Amino acid sequence: MTSARASHRQAAEHPPATTGRSRASSIGLIVSMLVLVAALVAIAMTTRRASPTTTTAPQGTTLQPTGKVNAMGVPYVTTPGSATGTAQLGPVKVVGSNYALGRVPLDVAVVPSWTLTNTGNAPVQLGEPVAQVREGCCPGALKLGATTLAPGASTTLTFELAMHPGMDGWHDMGVYVPVSGQDGALELNVTGDFRD
């Protein structure tokens, strides 16, 4: 009896080696499956491209393709969202200075824009606009129309934004335009949540 109890206790304290091998096989199988799933997700994300047909943003806004693509081959779509607020530095004024894009799909290009107007009675010179990332990444190209504005004249500033997987999430950027004879720069803003 005593030896039977001792054998039973020894078996409980030291399970057979096959149990360890079985656990290692199970863990190895689970790890292999996780690696396979991660690889499939990565392949799907890197090979997916925006459809040239109409894209619907999650909030229900229909983004129409323009028929043009940018230098990286990403299709342009109509720019969602709206602009609110007013910014002014010296005589240069922008109505709709804060552009909120809302939700923007990945793998498309949008181009928020602002109209800068000289409200003064003398010509004004605009400097090179600069983007500053507050949150997110990857500011696109800034294009300013006229750099000299006569009294009452306006020009347009555009800011191309296109995000692909890996750049998704919330983006908050400031755009700064120097104005001749003024300290600092005219501040414009754009935000958007880039994701599918």
N, C-alpha and C. Protein backbone atom coordinates (compact mmCIF):
# COMPACT_ATOMS: atom_id res chain seq x y z
N MET A 1 0.82 -1.19 0.00
CA MET A 1 0.00 0.00 0.00
C MET A 1 0.85 1.23 0.00
N THR A 2 1.86 1.19 0.85
CA THR A 2 2.72 2.37 0.95
C THR A 2 3.42 2.63 -0.35
N SER A 3 3.90 1.57 -1.00
CA SER A 3 4.59 1.77 -2.27
C SER A 3 3.63 2.23 -3.35
N ALA A 4 2.36 1.81 -3.31
CA ALA A 4 1.37 2.25 -4.29
C ALA A 4 1.10 3.74 -4.12
N ARG A 5 0.98 4.18 -2.83
CA ARG A 5 0.79 5.61 -2.58
C ARG A 5 1.99 6.40 -3.04
N ALA A 6 3.16 5.92 -2.80
CA ALA A 6 4.38 6.61 -3.21
C ALA A 6 4.45 6.71 -4.72
N SER A 7 4.07 5.64 -5.42
CA SER A 7 4.06 5.67 -6.89
C SER A 7 3.07 6.68 -7.41
N HIS A 8 1.89 6.70 -6.76
CA HIS A 8 0.84 7.63 -7.19
C HIS A 8 1.30 9.08 -6.96
N ARG A 9 1.91 9.37 -5.78
CA ARG A 9 2.40 10.70 -5.46
C ARG A 9 3.51 11.10 -6.45
N GLN A 10 4.40 10.16 -6.75
CA GLN A 10 5.50 10.44 -7.67
C GLN A 10 4.95 10.74 -9.07
N ALA A 11 3.93 10.04 -9.50
CA ALA A 11 3.33 10.27 -10.82
C ALA A 11 2.67 11.63 -10.86
N ALA A 12 2.03 12.04 -9.75
CA ALA A 12 1.36 13.34 -9.71
C ALA A 12 2.39 14.48 -9.73
N GLU A 13 3.51 14.29 -9.03
CA GLU A 13 4.52 15.34 -8.96
C GLU A 13 5.33 15.42 -10.24
N HIS A 14 5.49 14.32 -10.92
CA HIS A 14 6.29 14.27 -12.15
C HIS A 14 5.46 13.64 -13.26
N PRO A 15 4.63 14.44 -13.96
CA PRO A 15 3.81 13.86 -15.03
C PRO A 15 4.69 13.31 -16.14
N PRO A 16 4.16 12.43 -16.92
CA PRO A 16 4.93 11.83 -18.01
C PRO A 16 5.43 12.91 -18.98
N ALA A 17 6.57 12.68 -19.60
CA ALA A 17 7.19 13.65 -20.51
C ALA A 17 6.31 13.93 -21.71
N THR A 18 5.44 13.00 -22.09
CA THR A 18 4.60 13.22 -23.26
C THR A 18 3.63 14.38 -23.04
N THR A 19 3.22 14.68 -21.79
CA THR A 19 2.31 15.80 -21.51
C THR A 19 3.01 17.11 -21.85
N GLY A 20 4.27 17.27 -21.50
CA GLY A 20 5.04 18.47 -21.83
C GLY A 20 5.17 18.64 -23.32
N ARG A 21 5.44 17.52 -24.02
CA ARG A 21 5.56 17.60 -25.47
C ARG A 21 4.23 17.98 -26.09
N SER A 22 3.15 17.46 -25.55
CA SER A 22 1.83 17.77 -26.07
C SER A 22 1.51 19.25 -25.90
N ARG A 23 1.83 19.83 -24.73
CA ARG A 23 1.62 21.26 -24.50
C ARG A 23 2.47 22.09 -25.44
N ALA A 24 3.72 21.73 -25.61
CA ALA A 24 4.61 22.46 -26.50
C ALA A 24 4.08 22.42 -27.93
N SER A 25 3.56 21.28 -28.36
CA SER A 25 2.99 21.17 -29.70
C SER A 25 1.77 22.09 -29.85
N SER A 26 0.92 22.11 -28.82
CA SER A 26 -0.27 22.96 -28.86
C SER A 26 0.11 24.43 -28.91
N ILE A 27 1.05 24.83 -28.10
CA ILE A 27 1.50 26.23 -28.09
C ILE A 27 2.13 26.59 -29.43
N GLY A 28 2.94 25.68 -29.96
CA GLY A 28 3.55 25.91 -31.27
C GLY A 28 2.51 26.07 -32.36
N LEU A 29 1.46 25.27 -32.31
CA LEU A 29 0.38 25.35 -33.29
C LEU A 29 -0.35 26.69 -33.18
N ILE A 30 -0.64 27.10 -31.95
CA ILE A 30 -1.33 28.38 -31.74
C ILE A 30 -0.48 29.55 -32.25
N VAL A 31 0.80 29.54 -31.92
CA VAL A 31 1.71 30.60 -32.38
C VAL A 31 1.77 30.62 -33.91
N SER A 32 1.86 29.45 -34.52
CA SER A 32 1.89 29.38 -35.99
C SER A 32 0.63 29.95 -36.61
N MET A 33 -0.52 29.64 -36.00
CA MET A 33 -1.79 30.16 -36.53
C MET A 33 -1.85 31.68 -36.39
N LEU A 34 -1.39 32.22 -35.25
CA LEU A 34 -1.38 33.68 -35.06
C LEU A 34 -0.48 34.37 -36.06
N VAL A 35 0.69 33.79 -36.32
CA VAL A 35 1.61 34.36 -37.31
C VAL A 35 0.97 34.35 -38.69
N LEU A 36 0.29 33.25 -39.04
CA LEU A 36 -0.38 33.14 -40.33
C LEU A 36 -1.48 34.20 -40.47
N VAL A 37 -2.30 34.37 -39.44
CA VAL A 37 -3.37 35.37 -39.48
C VAL A 37 -2.78 36.77 -39.63
N ALA A 38 -1.72 37.08 -38.86
CA ALA A 38 -1.08 38.40 -38.95
C ALA A 38 -0.53 38.63 -40.35
N ALA A 39 0.06 37.62 -40.95
CA ALA A 39 0.60 37.75 -42.30
C ALA A 39 -0.50 38.01 -43.32
N LEU A 40 -1.62 37.30 -43.18
CA LEU A 40 -2.74 37.50 -44.11
C LEU A 40 -3.32 38.90 -43.98
N VAL A 41 -3.44 39.40 -42.75
CA VAL A 41 -3.95 40.77 -42.54
C VAL A 41 -2.99 41.78 -43.16
N ALA A 42 -1.69 41.60 -42.95
CA ALA A 42 -0.70 42.52 -43.52
C ALA A 42 -0.75 42.52 -45.05
N ILE A 43 -0.88 41.36 -45.64
CA ILE A 43 -0.96 41.26 -47.11
C ILE A 43 -2.22 41.97 -47.61
N ALA A 44 -3.33 41.74 -46.94
CA ALA A 44 -4.59 42.37 -47.35
C ALA A 44 -4.49 43.89 -47.27
N MET A 45 -3.85 44.39 -46.23
CA MET A 45 -3.75 45.85 -46.06
C MET A 45 -2.80 46.48 -47.07
N THR A 46 -1.72 45.80 -47.41
CA THR A 46 -0.75 46.40 -48.33
C THR A 46 -1.16 46.26 -49.79
N THR A 47 -1.99 45.29 -50.10
CA THR A 47 -2.38 45.12 -51.51
C THR A 47 -3.68 45.83 -51.84
N ARG A 48 -4.44 46.24 -50.81
CA ARG A 48 -5.72 46.89 -51.06
C ARG A 48 -5.50 48.30 -51.60
N ARG A 49 -6.24 48.67 -52.58
CA ARG A 49 -6.20 50.02 -53.16
C ARG A 49 -7.63 50.54 -53.22
N ALA A 50 -7.75 51.84 -53.16
CA ALA A 50 -9.08 52.45 -53.23
C ALA A 50 -9.71 52.17 -54.60
N SER A 51 -10.98 51.91 -54.58
CA SER A 51 -11.70 51.66 -55.81
C SER A 51 -11.88 52.95 -56.59
N PRO A 52 -11.76 52.94 -57.91
CA PRO A 52 -11.98 54.15 -58.68
C PRO A 52 -13.45 54.55 -58.71
N THR A 53 -14.33 53.71 -58.18
CA THR A 53 -15.75 54.06 -58.12
C THR A 53 -16.02 54.87 -56.87
N THR A 54 -17.27 55.25 -56.69
CA THR A 54 -17.66 56.08 -55.55
C THR A 54 -17.28 55.43 -54.23
N THR A 55 -16.73 56.23 -53.32
CA THR A 55 -16.38 55.78 -51.98
C THR A 55 -17.33 56.42 -51.00
N THR A 56 -17.86 55.64 -50.08
CA THR A 56 -18.75 56.21 -49.08
C THR A 56 -18.02 56.27 -47.75
N ALA A 57 -17.88 57.47 -47.21
CA ALA A 57 -17.28 57.63 -45.90
C ALA A 57 -18.23 57.07 -44.86
N PRO A 58 -17.70 56.58 -43.73
CA PRO A 58 -18.55 55.94 -42.73
C PRO A 58 -19.70 56.80 -42.22
N GLN A 59 -19.57 58.14 -42.20
CA GLN A 59 -20.66 58.96 -41.70
C GLN A 59 -21.73 59.17 -42.75
N GLY A 60 -21.61 58.50 -43.92
CA GLY A 60 -22.65 58.57 -44.94
C GLY A 60 -22.37 59.57 -46.04
N THR A 61 -21.28 60.29 -45.96
CA THR A 61 -20.93 61.25 -47.01
C THR A 61 -20.41 60.49 -48.22
N THR A 62 -20.95 60.77 -49.38
CA THR A 62 -20.48 60.12 -50.60
C THR A 62 -19.34 60.94 -51.18
N LEU A 63 -18.20 60.31 -51.33
CA LEU A 63 -17.02 60.98 -51.87
C LEU A 63 -16.88 60.56 -53.33
N GLN A 64 -17.09 61.49 -54.23
CA GLN A 64 -17.04 61.20 -55.65
C GLN A 64 -15.60 61.25 -56.16
N PRO A 65 -15.18 60.26 -56.96
CA PRO A 65 -13.86 60.34 -57.58
C PRO A 65 -13.84 61.48 -58.60
N THR A 66 -12.72 62.17 -58.69
CA THR A 66 -12.60 63.28 -59.63
C THR A 66 -12.08 62.82 -60.99
N GLY A 67 -11.59 61.58 -61.06
CA GLY A 67 -11.01 61.09 -62.31
C GLY A 67 -9.52 61.36 -62.41
N LYS A 68 -8.95 62.02 -61.40
CA LYS A 68 -7.51 62.32 -61.40
C LYS A 68 -6.83 61.53 -60.29
N VAL A 69 -5.53 61.31 -60.45
CA VAL A 69 -4.73 60.66 -59.42
C VAL A 69 -3.53 61.54 -59.10
N ASN A 70 -3.01 61.41 -57.89
CA ASN A 70 -1.84 62.21 -57.52
C ASN A 70 -0.56 61.52 -58.00
N ALA A 71 0.58 62.10 -57.65
CA ALA A 71 1.88 61.59 -58.12
C ALA A 71 2.16 60.17 -57.64
N MET A 72 1.51 59.74 -56.56
CA MET A 72 1.71 58.39 -56.03
C MET A 72 0.67 57.42 -56.55
N GLY A 73 -0.20 57.86 -57.47
CA GLY A 73 -1.22 56.99 -58.04
C GLY A 73 -2.47 56.84 -57.20
N VAL A 74 -2.61 57.70 -56.18
CA VAL A 74 -3.79 57.65 -55.31
C VAL A 74 -4.89 58.52 -55.94
N PRO A 75 -6.12 58.00 -56.04
CA PRO A 75 -7.18 58.78 -56.68
C PRO A 75 -7.68 59.93 -55.80
N TYR A 76 -7.93 61.08 -56.43
CA TYR A 76 -8.54 62.20 -55.73
C TYR A 76 -10.04 61.96 -55.63
N VAL A 77 -10.62 62.33 -54.49
CA VAL A 77 -12.07 62.31 -54.32
C VAL A 77 -12.50 63.68 -53.82
N THR A 78 -13.81 63.95 -53.92
CA THR A 78 -14.31 65.22 -53.40
C THR A 78 -13.97 65.31 -51.92
N THR A 79 -13.60 66.49 -51.49
CA THR A 79 -13.14 66.69 -50.11
C THR A 79 -14.34 66.79 -49.16
N PRO A 80 -14.38 65.92 -48.14
CA PRO A 80 -15.50 65.95 -47.20
C PRO A 80 -15.32 67.04 -46.14
N GLY A 81 -16.32 67.18 -45.30
CA GLY A 81 -16.20 68.06 -44.15
C GLY A 81 -16.64 69.48 -44.42
N SER A 82 -16.28 70.35 -43.49
CA SER A 82 -16.67 71.75 -43.59
C SER A 82 -15.66 72.63 -42.87
N ALA A 83 -15.68 73.92 -43.23
CA ALA A 83 -14.76 74.88 -42.62
C ALA A 83 -15.57 75.90 -41.82
N THR A 84 -15.08 76.21 -40.63
CA THR A 84 -15.73 77.18 -39.77
C THR A 84 -14.69 78.15 -39.22
N GLY A 85 -15.15 79.21 -38.62
CA GLY A 85 -14.25 80.16 -37.97
C GLY A 85 -13.63 81.14 -38.94
N THR A 86 -13.04 82.18 -38.38
CA THR A 86 -12.38 83.22 -39.18
C THR A 86 -11.00 83.48 -38.60
N ALA A 87 -10.03 83.64 -39.47
CA ALA A 87 -8.67 84.01 -39.06
C ALA A 87 -8.27 85.27 -39.81
N GLN A 88 -7.54 86.14 -39.14
CA GLN A 88 -7.07 87.36 -39.80
C GLN A 88 -5.73 87.76 -39.21
N LEU A 89 -4.83 88.17 -40.09
CA LEU A 89 -3.55 88.73 -39.68
C LEU A 89 -3.32 89.95 -40.55
N GLY A 90 -3.31 91.11 -39.93
CA GLY A 90 -3.22 92.35 -40.70
C GLY A 90 -4.42 92.44 -41.61
N PRO A 91 -4.19 92.77 -42.88
CA PRO A 91 -5.32 92.90 -43.80
C PRO A 91 -5.79 91.58 -44.41
N VAL A 92 -5.06 90.48 -44.19
CA VAL A 92 -5.41 89.20 -44.82
C VAL A 92 -6.39 88.43 -43.94
N LYS A 93 -7.53 88.10 -44.53
CA LYS A 93 -8.61 87.45 -43.80
C LYS A 93 -9.02 86.15 -44.48
N VAL A 94 -9.34 85.13 -43.66
CA VAL A 94 -9.84 83.85 -44.16
C VAL A 94 -11.12 83.50 -43.41
N VAL A 95 -12.20 83.37 -44.14
CA VAL A 95 -13.46 82.89 -43.57
C VAL A 95 -13.49 81.39 -43.80
N GLY A 96 -13.69 80.62 -42.71
CA GLY A 96 -13.60 79.16 -42.81
C GLY A 96 -12.17 78.71 -42.58
N SER A 97 -11.54 79.21 -41.54
CA SER A 97 -10.12 78.95 -41.29
C SER A 97 -9.86 77.58 -40.68
N ASN A 98 -10.86 76.98 -40.05
CA ASN A 98 -10.70 75.68 -39.39
C ASN A 98 -11.44 74.61 -40.18
N TYR A 99 -10.69 73.79 -40.91
CA TYR A 99 -11.28 72.78 -41.78
C TYR A 99 -11.36 71.45 -41.04
N ALA A 100 -12.59 70.96 -40.82
CA ALA A 100 -12.82 69.66 -40.19
C ALA A 100 -13.27 68.67 -41.26
N LEU A 101 -12.37 67.78 -41.64
CA LEU A 101 -12.66 66.80 -42.70
C LEU A 101 -13.62 65.71 -42.23
N GLY A 102 -13.64 65.42 -40.94
CA GLY A 102 -14.43 64.29 -40.44
C GLY A 102 -13.71 63.00 -40.75
N ARG A 103 -14.47 61.96 -41.07
CA ARG A 103 -13.89 60.65 -41.36
C ARG A 103 -13.51 60.58 -42.83
N VAL A 104 -12.28 60.19 -43.11
CA VAL A 104 -11.76 60.11 -44.48
C VAL A 104 -11.23 58.69 -44.69
N PRO A 105 -11.63 58.02 -45.77
CA PRO A 105 -11.10 56.68 -46.04
C PRO A 105 -9.59 56.73 -46.34
N LEU A 106 -8.94 55.61 -46.16
CA LEU A 106 -7.53 55.50 -46.54
C LEU A 106 -7.43 55.31 -48.04
N ASP A 107 -6.25 55.56 -48.58
CA ASP A 107 -5.93 55.33 -49.99
C ASP A 107 -6.74 56.19 -50.95
N VAL A 108 -7.14 57.38 -50.51
CA VAL A 108 -7.70 58.39 -51.41
C VAL A 108 -7.02 59.72 -51.04
N ALA A 109 -7.05 60.67 -51.97
CA ALA A 109 -6.48 62.00 -51.72
C ALA A 109 -7.61 63.02 -51.63
N VAL A 110 -7.54 63.86 -50.59
CA VAL A 110 -8.49 64.96 -50.43
C VAL A 110 -7.69 66.26 -50.38
N VAL A 111 -8.35 67.36 -50.74
CA VAL A 111 -7.63 68.63 -50.84
C VAL A 111 -8.45 69.76 -50.18
N PRO A 112 -8.33 69.90 -48.85
CA PRO A 112 -8.98 71.05 -48.22
C PRO A 112 -8.35 72.34 -48.75
N SER A 113 -9.14 73.41 -48.80
CA SER A 113 -8.61 74.67 -49.32
C SER A 113 -9.16 75.86 -48.54
N TRP A 114 -8.46 76.96 -48.62
CA TRP A 114 -8.85 78.20 -47.96
C TRP A 114 -8.73 79.35 -48.96
N THR A 115 -9.58 80.35 -48.84
CA THR A 115 -9.50 81.56 -49.65
C THR A 115 -8.97 82.69 -48.78
N LEU A 116 -7.84 83.24 -49.16
CA LEU A 116 -7.20 84.34 -48.44
C LEU A 116 -7.53 85.63 -49.17
N THR A 117 -8.06 86.62 -48.46
CA THR A 117 -8.49 87.88 -49.08
C THR A 117 -7.78 89.07 -48.42
N ASN A 118 -7.31 89.99 -49.25
CA ASN A 118 -6.70 91.23 -48.76
C ASN A 118 -7.84 92.22 -48.52
N THR A 119 -8.15 92.47 -47.26
CA THR A 119 -9.24 93.39 -46.90
C THR A 119 -8.73 94.83 -46.73
N GLY A 120 -7.43 95.03 -46.93
CA GLY A 120 -6.85 96.37 -46.75
C GLY A 120 -6.92 97.21 -48.01
N ASN A 121 -6.26 98.39 -47.96
CA ASN A 121 -6.27 99.30 -49.11
C ASN A 121 -4.89 99.44 -49.74
N ALA A 122 -3.99 98.48 -49.45
CA ALA A 122 -2.65 98.46 -50.05
C ALA A 122 -2.30 97.03 -50.41
N PRO A 123 -1.45 96.82 -51.41
CA PRO A 123 -1.05 95.45 -51.75
C PRO A 123 -0.36 94.76 -50.57
N VAL A 124 -0.47 93.44 -50.52
CA VAL A 124 0.16 92.66 -49.46
C VAL A 124 0.85 91.45 -50.08
N GLN A 125 1.98 91.08 -49.50
CA GLN A 125 2.78 89.95 -49.97
C GLN A 125 2.60 88.77 -49.01
N LEU A 126 2.34 87.59 -49.56
CA LEU A 126 2.22 86.37 -48.76
C LEU A 126 3.49 85.54 -48.89
N GLY A 127 3.97 85.00 -47.76
CA GLY A 127 5.16 84.16 -47.78
C GLY A 127 4.81 82.70 -48.03
N GLU A 128 5.83 81.87 -48.02
CA GLU A 128 5.67 80.43 -48.26
C GLU A 128 4.92 79.77 -47.10
N PRO A 129 3.78 79.11 -47.36
CA PRO A 129 3.04 78.44 -46.27
C PRO A 129 3.80 77.23 -45.76
N VAL A 130 3.64 76.95 -44.47
CA VAL A 130 4.32 75.83 -43.82
C VAL A 130 3.30 75.06 -42.99
N ALA A 131 3.36 73.71 -43.05
CA ALA A 131 2.47 72.87 -42.25
C ALA A 131 3.19 72.39 -41.00
N GLN A 132 2.46 72.33 -39.90
CA GLN A 132 2.99 71.79 -38.64
C GLN A 132 2.05 70.70 -38.16
N VAL A 133 2.60 69.51 -37.90
CA VAL A 133 1.80 68.39 -37.42
C VAL A 133 1.70 68.47 -35.90
N ARG A 134 0.47 68.55 -35.41
CA ARG A 134 0.23 68.54 -33.96
C ARG A 134 -0.04 67.11 -33.50
N GLU A 135 -0.77 66.37 -34.34
CA GLU A 135 -1.07 64.98 -34.06
C GLU A 135 -1.24 64.26 -35.38
N GLY A 136 -0.75 63.03 -35.46
CA GLY A 136 -0.82 62.29 -36.72
C GLY A 136 0.51 62.37 -37.44
N CYS A 137 0.46 62.45 -38.77
CA CYS A 137 1.69 62.47 -39.54
C CYS A 137 1.43 62.95 -40.96
N CYS A 138 2.50 63.06 -41.70
CA CYS A 138 2.51 63.07 -43.16
C CYS A 138 1.72 64.20 -43.84
N PRO A 139 2.10 65.46 -43.59
CA PRO A 139 1.44 66.54 -44.33
C PRO A 139 1.77 66.45 -45.81
N GLY A 140 0.81 66.80 -46.64
CA GLY A 140 1.02 66.77 -48.08
C GLY A 140 1.50 68.11 -48.60
N ALA A 141 1.35 68.28 -49.90
CA ALA A 141 1.82 69.50 -50.56
C ALA A 141 0.88 70.68 -50.31
N LEU A 142 1.47 71.82 -50.02
CA LEU A 142 0.74 73.09 -49.90
C LEU A 142 0.96 73.87 -51.18
N LYS A 143 -0.13 74.39 -51.76
CA LYS A 143 0.00 75.18 -52.98
C LYS A 143 -0.76 76.49 -52.80
N LEU A 144 -0.03 77.59 -52.93
CA LEU A 144 -0.61 78.91 -52.80
C LEU A 144 -0.70 79.53 -54.18
N GLY A 145 -1.87 80.07 -54.53
CA GLY A 145 -2.04 80.72 -55.83
C GLY A 145 -1.16 81.95 -55.93
N ALA A 146 -1.75 83.13 -55.97
CA ALA A 146 -0.98 84.38 -56.04
C ALA A 146 -0.30 84.65 -54.72
N THR A 147 0.89 85.21 -54.77
CA THR A 147 1.60 85.57 -53.54
C THR A 147 1.53 87.08 -53.26
N THR A 148 1.11 87.85 -54.25
CA THR A 148 0.88 89.28 -54.05
C THR A 148 -0.60 89.56 -54.27
N LEU A 149 -1.23 90.16 -53.26
CA LEU A 149 -2.66 90.45 -53.35
C LEU A 149 -2.89 91.95 -53.37
N ALA A 150 -3.56 92.42 -54.41
CA ALA A 150 -3.98 93.82 -54.49
C ALA A 150 -5.13 94.02 -53.50
N PRO A 151 -5.46 95.24 -53.14
CA PRO A 151 -6.60 95.47 -52.25
C PRO A 151 -7.87 94.82 -52.81
N GLY A 152 -8.55 94.04 -51.96
CA GLY A 152 -9.77 93.35 -52.36
C GLY A 152 -9.56 92.04 -53.10
N ALA A 153 -8.32 91.72 -53.46
CA ALA A 153 -8.04 90.49 -54.22
C ALA A 153 -7.96 89.27 -53.29
N SER A 154 -8.20 88.10 -53.87
CA SER A 154 -8.16 86.84 -53.12
C SER A 154 -7.28 85.84 -53.84
N THR A 155 -6.82 84.85 -53.09
CA THR A 155 -6.09 83.72 -53.66
C THR A 155 -6.47 82.47 -52.89
N THR A 156 -6.18 81.32 -53.46
CA THR A 156 -6.54 80.04 -52.83
C THR A 156 -5.30 79.30 -52.39
N LEU A 157 -5.37 78.72 -51.20
CA LEU A 157 -4.33 77.85 -50.66
C LEU A 157 -4.92 76.46 -50.54
N THR A 158 -4.26 75.46 -51.14
CA THR A 158 -4.72 74.07 -51.05
C THR A 158 -3.70 73.23 -50.29
N PHE A 159 -4.20 72.15 -49.68
CA PHE A 159 -3.37 71.28 -48.85
C PHE A 159 -3.78 69.84 -49.13
N GLU A 160 -2.96 69.12 -49.90
CA GLU A 160 -3.30 67.73 -50.25
C GLU A 160 -2.97 66.79 -49.11
N LEU A 161 -3.92 65.91 -48.79
CA LEU A 161 -3.73 64.91 -47.75
C LEU A 161 -4.16 63.55 -48.29
N ALA A 162 -3.31 62.54 -48.13
CA ALA A 162 -3.62 61.16 -48.55
C ALA A 162 -2.91 60.21 -47.60
N MET A 163 -3.67 59.39 -46.92
CA MET A 163 -3.09 58.45 -45.95
C MET A 163 -3.33 57.02 -46.39
N HIS A 164 -2.35 56.16 -46.15
CA HIS A 164 -2.49 54.74 -46.44
C HIS A 164 -2.39 53.96 -45.13
N PRO A 165 -2.68 52.65 -45.12
CA PRO A 165 -2.59 51.89 -43.87
C PRO A 165 -1.24 52.09 -43.21
N GLY A 166 -1.27 52.32 -41.92
CA GLY A 166 -0.07 52.65 -41.16
C GLY A 166 -0.05 54.12 -40.81
N MET A 167 -0.79 54.93 -41.57
CA MET A 167 -0.91 56.36 -41.29
C MET A 167 -2.30 56.68 -40.75
N ASP A 168 -3.09 55.64 -40.49
CA ASP A 168 -4.48 55.86 -40.10
C ASP A 168 -4.58 56.44 -38.70
N GLY A 169 -5.74 57.06 -38.43
CA GLY A 169 -6.00 57.64 -37.13
C GLY A 169 -6.27 59.14 -37.23
N TRP A 170 -6.29 59.78 -36.07
CA TRP A 170 -6.61 61.20 -35.96
C TRP A 170 -5.42 62.05 -36.40
N HIS A 171 -5.69 63.06 -37.22
CA HIS A 171 -4.67 64.00 -37.67
C HIS A 171 -5.12 65.42 -37.35
N ASP A 172 -4.20 66.21 -36.84
CA ASP A 172 -4.46 67.61 -36.50
C ASP A 172 -3.24 68.40 -36.95
N MET A 173 -3.44 69.32 -37.90
CA MET A 173 -2.32 70.08 -38.46
C MET A 173 -2.65 71.57 -38.53
N GLY A 174 -1.61 72.35 -38.33
CA GLY A 174 -1.73 73.79 -38.52
C GLY A 174 -1.01 74.17 -39.80
N VAL A 175 -1.54 75.17 -40.48
CA VAL A 175 -0.90 75.70 -41.69
C VAL A 175 -0.65 77.19 -41.43
N TYR A 176 0.59 77.62 -41.62
CA TYR A 176 0.99 78.98 -41.26
C TYR A 176 1.47 79.73 -42.51
N VAL A 177 0.87 80.92 -42.71
CA VAL A 177 1.19 81.73 -43.89
C VAL A 177 1.73 83.08 -43.43
N PRO A 178 3.01 83.37 -43.71
CA PRO A 178 3.55 84.69 -43.37
C PRO A 178 2.87 85.79 -44.20
N VAL A 179 2.67 86.94 -43.57
CA VAL A 179 2.05 88.09 -44.23
C VAL A 179 3.01 89.28 -44.08
N SER A 180 3.33 89.95 -45.20
CA SER A 180 4.30 91.05 -45.14
C SER A 180 3.85 92.14 -44.17
N GLY A 181 4.84 92.64 -43.41
CA GLY A 181 4.57 93.72 -42.47
C GLY A 181 3.91 93.27 -41.18
N GLN A 182 3.72 91.95 -40.98
CA GLN A 182 3.05 91.43 -39.79
C GLN A 182 3.97 90.47 -39.04
N ASP A 183 3.88 90.50 -37.71
CA ASP A 183 4.61 89.53 -36.90
C ASP A 183 3.87 88.20 -36.91
N GLY A 184 4.62 87.12 -36.84
CA GLY A 184 4.01 85.79 -36.81
C GLY A 184 3.50 85.41 -38.19
N ALA A 185 2.47 84.57 -38.19
CA ALA A 185 1.90 84.07 -39.45
C ALA A 185 0.40 83.86 -39.27
N LEU A 186 -0.31 83.91 -40.37
CA LEU A 186 -1.75 83.61 -40.38
C LEU A 186 -1.90 82.12 -40.11
N GLU A 187 -2.73 81.75 -39.13
CA GLU A 187 -2.88 80.34 -38.76
C GLU A 187 -4.20 79.77 -39.27
N LEU A 188 -4.07 78.66 -40.01
CA LEU A 188 -5.22 77.90 -40.50
C LEU A 188 -5.10 76.49 -39.91
N ASN A 189 -6.22 75.77 -39.85
CA ASN A 189 -6.20 74.46 -39.20
C ASN A 189 -6.98 73.43 -40.01
N VAL A 190 -6.52 72.18 -39.93
CA VAL A 190 -7.24 71.08 -40.56
C VAL A 190 -7.14 69.85 -39.67
N THR A 191 -8.29 69.17 -39.51
CA THR A 191 -8.33 67.92 -38.73
C THR A 191 -9.08 66.87 -39.54
N GLY A 192 -8.79 65.61 -39.23
CA GLY A 192 -9.51 64.53 -39.89
C GLY A 192 -9.16 63.19 -39.26
N ASP A 193 -10.09 62.27 -39.35
CA ASP A 193 -9.90 60.91 -38.85
C ASP A 193 -9.79 59.99 -40.05
N PHE A 194 -8.57 59.60 -40.37
CA PHE A 194 -8.30 58.81 -41.58
C PHE A 194 -8.32 57.32 -41.22
N ARG A 195 -9.35 56.62 -41.70
CA ARG A 195 -9.46 55.18 -41.45
C ARG A 195 -10.55 54.60 -42.33
N ASP A 196 -10.50 53.29 -42.54
CA ASP A 196 -11.56 52.61 -43.30
C ASP A 196 -12.62 52.12 -42.35
